[in-house]
Each structure stands twice: as C-alpha cells, then as structure tokens.
Amino acid sequence: MAGHGGASAAASCSRDLGSSQLAEVLEQQQNERNETWTKQCIFCPFSAERAPLVLHMAIQHKFKIGNPDNLVYVADLIELLRSKFNNYCCIYCERIFKGQQVLKKHMKTKKHMRINPKLPLYDRFFISSYTPEQALRENEDSEEDPTGDTIDDWQEEPKASDTCCLCLFCDMTFDSSVLMLSHCSEQHFFNLTAIQSKWELTYYDTVMLVNFIRSSVKNNTCVQCYTIFASKTLLLDHMTHLKHFTPDSILRPWNSEKFLFPVLDPDPLLFCLDPNDSDAQEDTPTQISPTMDPPTHQPQAPIQLL
C-alpha cells in the first residue's frame, strides 16, 4: 500500500508541475504567434516568416516539423535543425555523412525527412510534451522498451496507395489534381483557377483556401453559411441545392495560419499549386491571422442540424 501511496503522490506532483509548465509554454506560443521574423529554409535559399517557412519545407522538401498548434520555440527549433543539417547530420537518425548531397539522398531514401520522436532533444519544442498525461505516460513507460509513436505529429510517411486526389466536396477520388479540379468546376460550381484570378490570390492564399474548404467539409460545415450538418451527405445536399461551394471573398474566413498546413496528408492538390504564381507579390506578403477567429459578420449564425 505504501508503494501505491508513493506512486499516487508522485503522480499528483507530476500533474501540478505539468500544468505549470503547460501554462508557460502556451503563453510562449501565443507570444511567438504575435512576433514577426524571417528565416531561411534549412534546405534551400528560400526565406519567409514562421508559417510560410514551415509550409514551404513541408510542400517543397516534404519535411514536416509538426502541427503548428503543437509547436513552441519554433525559431530555436529551426536553428537546431539547420545546425544538424549543415554539419551533415541526419535529423532523424543522427548519422553523420560526408556532404549535404549524400545526406539529402539518405534522408529521402530512408524517409528521414522528419524529426525523431524518440530523441528527448526535441521534447521542449512540442506542446504535447508538457501535458500532464504525457508526463505520466513517460513515467509509466520509462522501464519498458517503446513500442511505437502515439502522437499524431509523428506519423509515418503515407503509402503510395494513399496519394489519389480526393474531391474538395464529395467522396470521389481522381488520378490527378487536374481531373479533380475539372470535376469540382463541372459538378460543384467551384473553379479554383478562376477564383485565383478573380480574387487575386497568392500561392499562400490558395493553400489556405484549399485547407479551409477541406477542414470545413471534414467537419460537415458549409463553407459559405457555416451551417453544421449531422453527416457529409446532408452537407453536400445543402451545398448543392443552394450552390454554397464558394467561401465569402470579403470575410475570407480561410485567412489564418492554421490553414497553411495540410488537412489531408498527403494532399496532391497542394503539390500542384505553383509557388511562383506569387512572385510578383513578394514585396507585399499576405497578412495571416495568427489564430483562427470566426468571421464577425456571418451571413447567419452556425446551426447544428441533428
């Protein structure tokens, strides 16, 4: 019984400590979202602010740092990863190579274009590491060999069979993004190319728009009137009947850092978007909201349909 009491007291202390640390890192995370800084990509000369830089590395180099809502001390993390890469050290397995080209080939071939969740070095950069549940789980598993990763941010690379392109609005899949976008234009009255031109969307605007639509549909929410439905079938019926396939171009509810990151993993549509389409607008970068705030003048209040 004494042993159980000691374990209970340790668990209580762990919870208290975890809660205090979590509050601190959440405050730090919010401060970082309000900061403005520009850094160069770890792998190429491209430079950008926090969210576009992480997106660039994910899209162009297939290197995933993690979900933005789970990241903290991002600037320090990027510099740590850059230091490893510049010293020809694999970010995942920490093996040392003779040069960057050999290192790049290794990381791509071995699917090491990611952070290793089993390396304690990276714990401080992820919010999930500060949760009481995570701390307790680590204590319970400290005497056991790890059997696998449990956090979504550490998912393995997707299989090739998962790379078909899913429609933005229905469950149909296509062999290419071109076919999918043609289907959206013909069946769902949504012409992405025309919208990009009419609304003068930058590359990042388009990425956020696509991910906003995918997120809304995933949550059975109309992209135009924000009505919530009990199923995707009811949502599609509603959107088809009212032709609610196009979000509000004035409110731009997709203008949030949250939507710079893929909803689908992988999403072939994001890989077919051309970052060079925004070159003419680099001097006036898109202003991205640090958090997802609901539109203040919605056409109607969200309605939960059961």
Protein backbone atom coordinates (compact mmCIF):
# COMPACT_ATOMS: atom_id res chain seq x y z
CA MET A 1 0.00 0.00 0.00
CA ALA A 2 2.85 2.37 0.78
CA GLY A 3 4.17 1.84 -2.70
CA HIS A 4 0.83 2.79 -4.18
CA GLY A 5 0.67 5.89 -1.98
CA GLY A 6 4.10 6.98 -3.15
CA ALA A 7 3.10 6.47 -6.76
CA SER A 8 -0.07 8.49 -6.19
CA ALA A 9 1.88 11.37 -4.63
CA ALA A 10 4.38 11.29 -7.49
CA ALA A 11 1.55 11.37 -9.99
CA SER A 12 -0.01 14.37 -8.21
CA CYS A 13 3.29 16.29 -8.24
CA SER A 14 3.76 15.41 -11.87
CA ARG A 15 0.32 16.80 -12.72
CA ASP A 16 0.98 20.05 -10.85
CA LEU A 17 4.37 20.52 -12.46
CA GLY A 18 2.99 19.64 -15.88
CA SER A 19 0.13 22.12 -15.56
CA SER A 20 2.52 24.92 -14.60
CA GLN A 21 4.89 24.19 -17.47
CA LEU A 22 2.00 23.87 -19.91
CA ALA A 23 0.68 27.31 -18.97
CA GLU A 24 4.13 28.82 -19.52
CA VAL A 25 4.68 27.25 -22.93
CA LEU A 26 1.16 28.16 -24.10
CA GLU A 27 1.91 31.78 -23.20
CA GLN A 28 5.22 31.49 -25.05
CA GLN A 29 3.45 30.03 -28.07
CA GLN A 30 0.99 32.92 -28.18
CA ASN A 31 3.84 35.44 -27.91
CA GLU A 32 5.57 33.76 -30.84
CA ARG A 33 2.43 33.99 -32.94
CA ASN A 34 2.43 37.74 -32.40
CA GLU A 35 6.10 38.06 -33.35
CA THR A 36 7.37 38.77 -36.85
CA TRP A 37 10.62 37.21 -38.02
CA THR A 38 12.06 35.87 -41.26
CA LYS A 39 14.35 32.87 -41.53
CA GLN A 40 15.92 30.95 -44.36
CA CYS A 41 14.83 27.43 -45.22
CA ILE A 42 17.01 24.66 -43.81
CA PHE A 43 17.42 23.09 -47.25
CA CYS A 44 17.45 25.98 -49.77
CA PRO A 45 17.81 29.81 -50.06
CA PHE A 46 14.06 30.45 -49.67
CA SER A 47 13.25 32.84 -46.79
CA ALA A 48 9.90 33.55 -45.14
CA GLU A 49 8.08 34.12 -41.88
CA ARG A 50 7.20 31.32 -39.46
CA ALA A 51 4.09 29.78 -41.03
CA PRO A 52 5.03 30.15 -44.72
CA LEU A 53 8.50 28.76 -43.98
CA VAL A 54 7.14 25.65 -42.28
CA LEU A 55 4.69 25.22 -45.17
CA HIS A 56 7.49 25.63 -47.73
CA MET A 57 9.56 22.90 -46.09
CA ALA A 58 6.54 20.59 -45.96
CA ILE A 59 5.47 21.16 -49.58
CA GLN A 60 8.78 21.70 -51.39
CA HIS A 61 11.05 19.41 -49.35
CA LYS A 62 8.48 17.05 -47.80
CA PHE A 63 9.98 17.82 -44.40
CA LYS A 64 7.37 18.02 -41.67
CA ILE A 65 8.20 19.74 -38.43
CA GLY A 66 4.76 19.25 -36.90
CA ASN A 67 1.32 20.71 -36.37
CA PRO A 68 1.59 24.48 -35.71
CA ASP A 69 -0.78 24.17 -32.75
CA ASN A 70 1.71 21.76 -31.15
CA LEU A 71 4.88 23.82 -31.75
CA VAL A 72 6.70 26.23 -29.45
CA TYR A 73 10.18 27.84 -29.54
CA VAL A 74 9.95 27.49 -33.33
CA ALA A 75 12.86 29.82 -34.14
CA ASP A 76 15.17 27.81 -31.87
CA LEU A 77 13.94 24.55 -33.39
CA ILE A 78 14.67 25.73 -36.92
CA GLU A 79 18.18 26.82 -35.96
CA LEU A 80 18.82 23.48 -34.23
CA LEU A 81 17.72 21.58 -37.32
CA ARG A 82 19.78 23.88 -39.54
CA SER A 83 22.88 23.25 -37.42
CA LYS A 84 22.45 19.49 -37.74
CA PHE A 85 21.90 19.65 -41.48
CA ASN A 86 24.86 22.00 -42.04
CA ASN A 87 27.05 19.54 -40.12
CA TYR A 88 25.89 16.70 -42.40
CA CYS A 89 23.94 15.05 -39.58
CA CYS A 90 20.69 13.23 -40.37
CA ILE A 91 17.92 14.95 -38.43
CA TYR A 92 16.15 11.67 -37.74
CA CYS A 93 18.85 9.04 -37.07
CA GLU A 94 21.76 11.44 -36.32
CA ARG A 95 24.13 9.56 -38.60
CA ILE A 96 26.97 11.73 -39.96
CA PHE A 97 27.66 11.90 -43.72
CA LYS A 98 30.45 13.26 -45.93
CA GLY A 99 28.38 16.02 -47.54
CA GLN A 100 24.89 17.53 -47.91
CA GLN A 101 24.06 15.79 -51.19
CA VAL A 102 24.78 12.37 -49.67
CA LEU A 103 22.82 13.40 -46.57
CA LYS A 104 19.83 14.56 -48.63
CA LYS A 105 19.77 11.31 -50.58
CA HIS A 106 19.89 9.31 -47.35
CA MET A 107 17.08 11.29 -45.69
CA LYS A 108 14.81 10.97 -48.72
CA THR A 109 15.56 7.30 -49.35
CA LYS A 110 15.15 6.29 -45.71
CA LYS A 111 12.16 8.60 -45.19
CA HIS A 112 14.10 10.52 -42.56
CA MET A 113 12.71 13.90 -43.62
CA ARG A 114 11.20 14.35 -40.18
CA ILE A 115 12.03 14.67 -36.51
CA ASN A 116 12.62 11.53 -34.47
CA PRO A 117 10.06 11.45 -31.61
CA LYS A 118 12.31 9.20 -29.52
CA LEU A 119 15.02 11.84 -29.23
CA PRO A 120 14.49 13.82 -25.97
CA LEU A 121 16.38 16.71 -27.60
CA TYR A 122 13.16 17.76 -29.35
CA ASP A 123 10.73 17.44 -26.44
CA ARG A 124 10.86 21.13 -25.47
CA PHE A 125 9.59 22.19 -28.90
CA PHE A 126 6.26 20.34 -28.72
CA ILE A 127 3.31 21.37 -26.54
CA SER A 128 2.26 17.74 -26.12
CA SER A 129 5.49 17.10 -24.20
CA TYR A 130 4.29 19.41 -21.42
CA THR A 131 0.87 17.87 -20.81
CA PRO A 132 0.38 16.00 -17.51
CA GLU A 133 -0.93 12.97 -19.41
CA GLN A 134 2.25 12.82 -21.48
CA ALA A 135 4.47 13.16 -18.40
CA LEU A 136 2.65 10.36 -16.59
CA ARG A 137 2.78 8.15 -19.64
CA GLU A 138 6.53 8.69 -19.93
CA ASN A 139 6.99 7.77 -16.24
CA GLU A 140 4.93 4.62 -16.65
CA ASP A 141 6.84 3.58 -19.77
CA SER A 142 10.31 4.51 -18.51
CA GLU A 143 11.17 0.90 -17.61
CA GLU A 144 9.75 -0.54 -20.82
CA ASP A 145 11.02 -0.51 -24.37
CA PRO A 146 8.97 1.86 -26.52
CA THR A 147 6.66 0.01 -28.88
CA GLY A 148 5.75 2.89 -31.18
CA ASP A 149 4.78 6.51 -31.52
CA THR A 150 1.43 7.67 -30.17
CA ILE A 151 1.35 11.33 -31.13
CA ASP A 152 -0.24 12.22 -34.47
CA ASP A 153 2.62 14.58 -35.34
CA TRP A 154 4.94 11.58 -35.57
CA GLN A 155 3.02 9.64 -38.20
CA GLU A 156 4.97 7.62 -40.74
CA GLU A 157 5.12 8.67 -44.37
CA PRO A 158 1.89 7.82 -46.21
CA LYS A 159 1.75 4.83 -48.52
CA ALA A 160 1.75 5.34 -52.28
CA SER A 161 -1.78 3.94 -52.44
CA ASP A 162 -2.98 6.90 -50.39
CA THR A 163 -1.92 9.55 -52.92
CA CYS A 164 -5.09 9.72 -55.06
CA CYS A 165 -6.67 13.17 -55.14
CA LEU A 166 -9.89 13.49 -53.12
CA CYS A 167 -12.56 15.93 -54.29
CA LEU A 168 -12.83 19.10 -52.20
CA PHE A 169 -16.53 18.49 -51.56
CA CYS A 170 -17.55 14.86 -52.15
CA ASP A 171 -16.00 11.39 -51.73
CA MET A 172 -14.92 10.92 -55.34
CA THR A 173 -11.19 10.42 -55.94
CA PHE A 174 -9.12 11.06 -59.06
CA ASP A 175 -5.77 10.06 -60.50
CA SER A 176 -4.67 13.69 -60.77
CA SER A 177 -5.39 17.13 -59.36
CA VAL A 178 -6.29 18.36 -62.84
CA LEU A 179 -9.10 15.82 -63.14
CA MET A 180 -10.28 16.59 -59.62
CA LEU A 181 -10.43 20.36 -60.24
CA SER A 182 -12.28 19.78 -63.51
CA HIS A 183 -14.82 17.70 -61.60
CA CYS A 184 -15.21 20.45 -58.97
CA SER A 185 -15.84 23.01 -61.69
CA GLU A 186 -18.39 20.88 -63.52
CA GLN A 187 -20.20 19.24 -60.61
CA HIS A 188 -19.75 21.67 -57.72
CA PHE A 189 -19.63 25.07 -59.48
CA PHE A 190 -16.19 25.70 -57.97
CA ASN A 191 -13.50 26.80 -60.43
CA LEU A 192 -10.30 27.23 -58.42
CA THR A 193 -8.31 28.72 -61.32
CA ALA A 194 -10.98 31.35 -62.00
CA ILE A 195 -11.24 32.17 -58.28
CA GLN A 196 -7.47 32.59 -58.00
CA SER A 197 -7.54 35.11 -60.84
CA LYS A 198 -10.71 36.95 -59.79
CA TRP A 199 -9.72 37.28 -56.11
CA GLU A 200 -6.01 37.84 -56.93
CA LEU A 201 -4.97 35.04 -54.61
CA THR A 202 -1.31 34.47 -53.83
CA TYR A 203 0.13 30.98 -53.51
CA TYR A 204 -0.35 31.08 -49.73
CA ASP A 205 -3.91 32.44 -50.11
CA THR A 206 -4.73 29.46 -52.32
CA VAL A 207 -3.20 26.96 -49.90
CA MET A 208 -5.22 28.44 -47.04
CA LEU A 209 -8.41 28.44 -49.14
CA VAL A 210 -7.98 24.77 -50.08
CA ASN A 211 -7.29 23.73 -46.49
CA PHE A 212 -10.20 25.82 -45.18
CA ILE A 213 -12.56 24.02 -47.55
CA ARG A 214 -11.17 20.61 -46.67
CA SER A 215 -11.39 21.37 -42.94
CA SER A 216 -14.97 22.62 -43.23
CA VAL A 217 -16.13 19.62 -45.26
CA LYS A 218 -14.33 17.27 -42.86
CA ASN A 219 -16.36 18.83 -40.03
CA ASN A 220 -19.63 18.74 -42.01
CA THR A 221 -19.76 22.55 -42.14
CA CYS A 222 -20.94 24.63 -45.08
CA VAL A 223 -18.07 26.75 -46.43
CA GLN A 224 -20.37 29.66 -47.20
CA CYS A 225 -23.05 29.89 -44.49
CA TYR A 226 -21.23 27.87 -41.76
CA THR A 227 -24.24 25.64 -41.05
CA ILE A 228 -23.18 22.39 -39.38
CA PHE A 229 -24.78 19.12 -40.52
CA ALA A 230 -25.08 15.69 -39.00
CA SER A 231 -23.43 14.00 -41.98
CA LYS A 232 -21.42 14.73 -45.09
CA THR A 233 -24.37 13.59 -47.24
CA LEU A 234 -26.66 16.22 -45.72
CA LEU A 235 -23.93 18.83 -46.10
CA LEU A 236 -23.44 18.04 -49.79
CA ASP A 237 -27.19 18.10 -50.41
CA HIS A 238 -27.38 21.54 -48.81
CA MET A 239 -24.37 22.94 -50.68
CA THR A 240 -25.61 21.55 -54.00
CA HIS A 241 -29.17 22.87 -53.55
CA LEU A 242 -28.01 26.39 -52.61
CA LYS A 243 -24.77 26.32 -54.61
CA HIS A 244 -22.83 27.09 -51.43
CA PHE A 245 -19.46 25.87 -52.71
CA THR A 246 -17.62 29.20 -52.66
CA PRO A 247 -16.49 30.83 -49.37
CA ASP A 248 -17.04 34.51 -48.69
CA SER A 249 -14.48 36.55 -50.64
CA ILE A 250 -14.89 39.59 -48.35
CA LEU A 251 -14.67 37.95 -44.93
CA ARG A 252 -12.02 35.49 -46.13
CA PRO A 253 -12.51 33.04 -43.23
CA TRP A 254 -9.58 30.99 -44.54
CA ASN A 255 -7.06 33.75 -43.76
CA SER A 256 -5.48 32.02 -40.78
CA GLU A 257 -2.08 30.47 -40.11
CA LYS A 258 -3.94 27.31 -39.16
CA PHE A 259 -4.91 26.74 -42.79
CA LEU A 260 -1.35 26.91 -44.10
CA PHE A 261 -0.95 23.30 -43.05
CA PRO A 262 -2.49 20.33 -44.88
CA VAL A 263 -5.77 18.85 -43.66
CA LEU A 264 -5.14 15.75 -45.76
CA ASP A 265 -1.79 14.02 -45.53
CA PRO A 266 -0.78 13.86 -48.29
CA ASP A 267 -2.86 16.26 -50.37
CA PRO A 268 -1.74 16.06 -54.04
CA LEU A 269 -3.62 19.27 -54.82
CA LEU A 270 -1.21 21.32 -52.70
CA PHE A 271 1.75 19.91 -54.60
CA CYS A 272 0.34 21.02 -57.96
CA LEU A 273 -0.04 24.65 -56.86
CA ASP A 274 2.80 26.78 -58.22
CA PRO A 275 4.59 28.92 -55.58
CA ASN A 276 5.97 31.06 -58.41
CA ASP A 277 2.49 32.41 -59.11
CA SER A 278 3.05 34.76 -56.16
CA ASP A 279 6.47 36.09 -57.16
CA ALA A 280 5.06 39.42 -58.27
CA GLN A 281 3.52 39.90 -54.83
CA GLU A 282 6.56 39.08 -52.68
CA ASP A 283 7.01 42.74 -51.74
CA THR A 284 3.52 42.78 -50.20
CA PRO A 285 3.15 39.42 -48.46
CA THR A 286 -0.20 38.12 -47.38
CA GLN A 287 -1.15 39.14 -43.84
CA ILE A 288 -2.05 35.97 -42.00
CA SER A 289 -4.09 35.90 -38.84
CA PRO A 290 -2.15 34.17 -36.02
CA THR A 291 -5.22 32.39 -34.74
CA MET A 292 -8.48 31.14 -36.21
CA ASP A 293 -11.07 33.72 -35.29
CA PRO A 294 -14.61 33.14 -36.54
CA PRO A 295 -15.97 35.71 -39.01
CA THR A 296 -17.59 38.65 -37.23
CA HIS A 297 -20.33 39.18 -39.80
CA GLN A 298 -21.52 35.78 -40.81
CA PRO A 299 -24.50 35.54 -43.19
CA GLN A 300 -26.23 33.57 -40.48
CA ALA A 301 -25.25 32.04 -37.16
CA PRO A 302 -24.00 28.46 -37.32
CA ILE A 303 -26.84 26.00 -36.95
CA GLN A 304 -26.44 22.48 -35.65
CA LEU A 305 -28.67 20.14 -37.62
CA LEU A 306 -29.28 16.80 -35.96
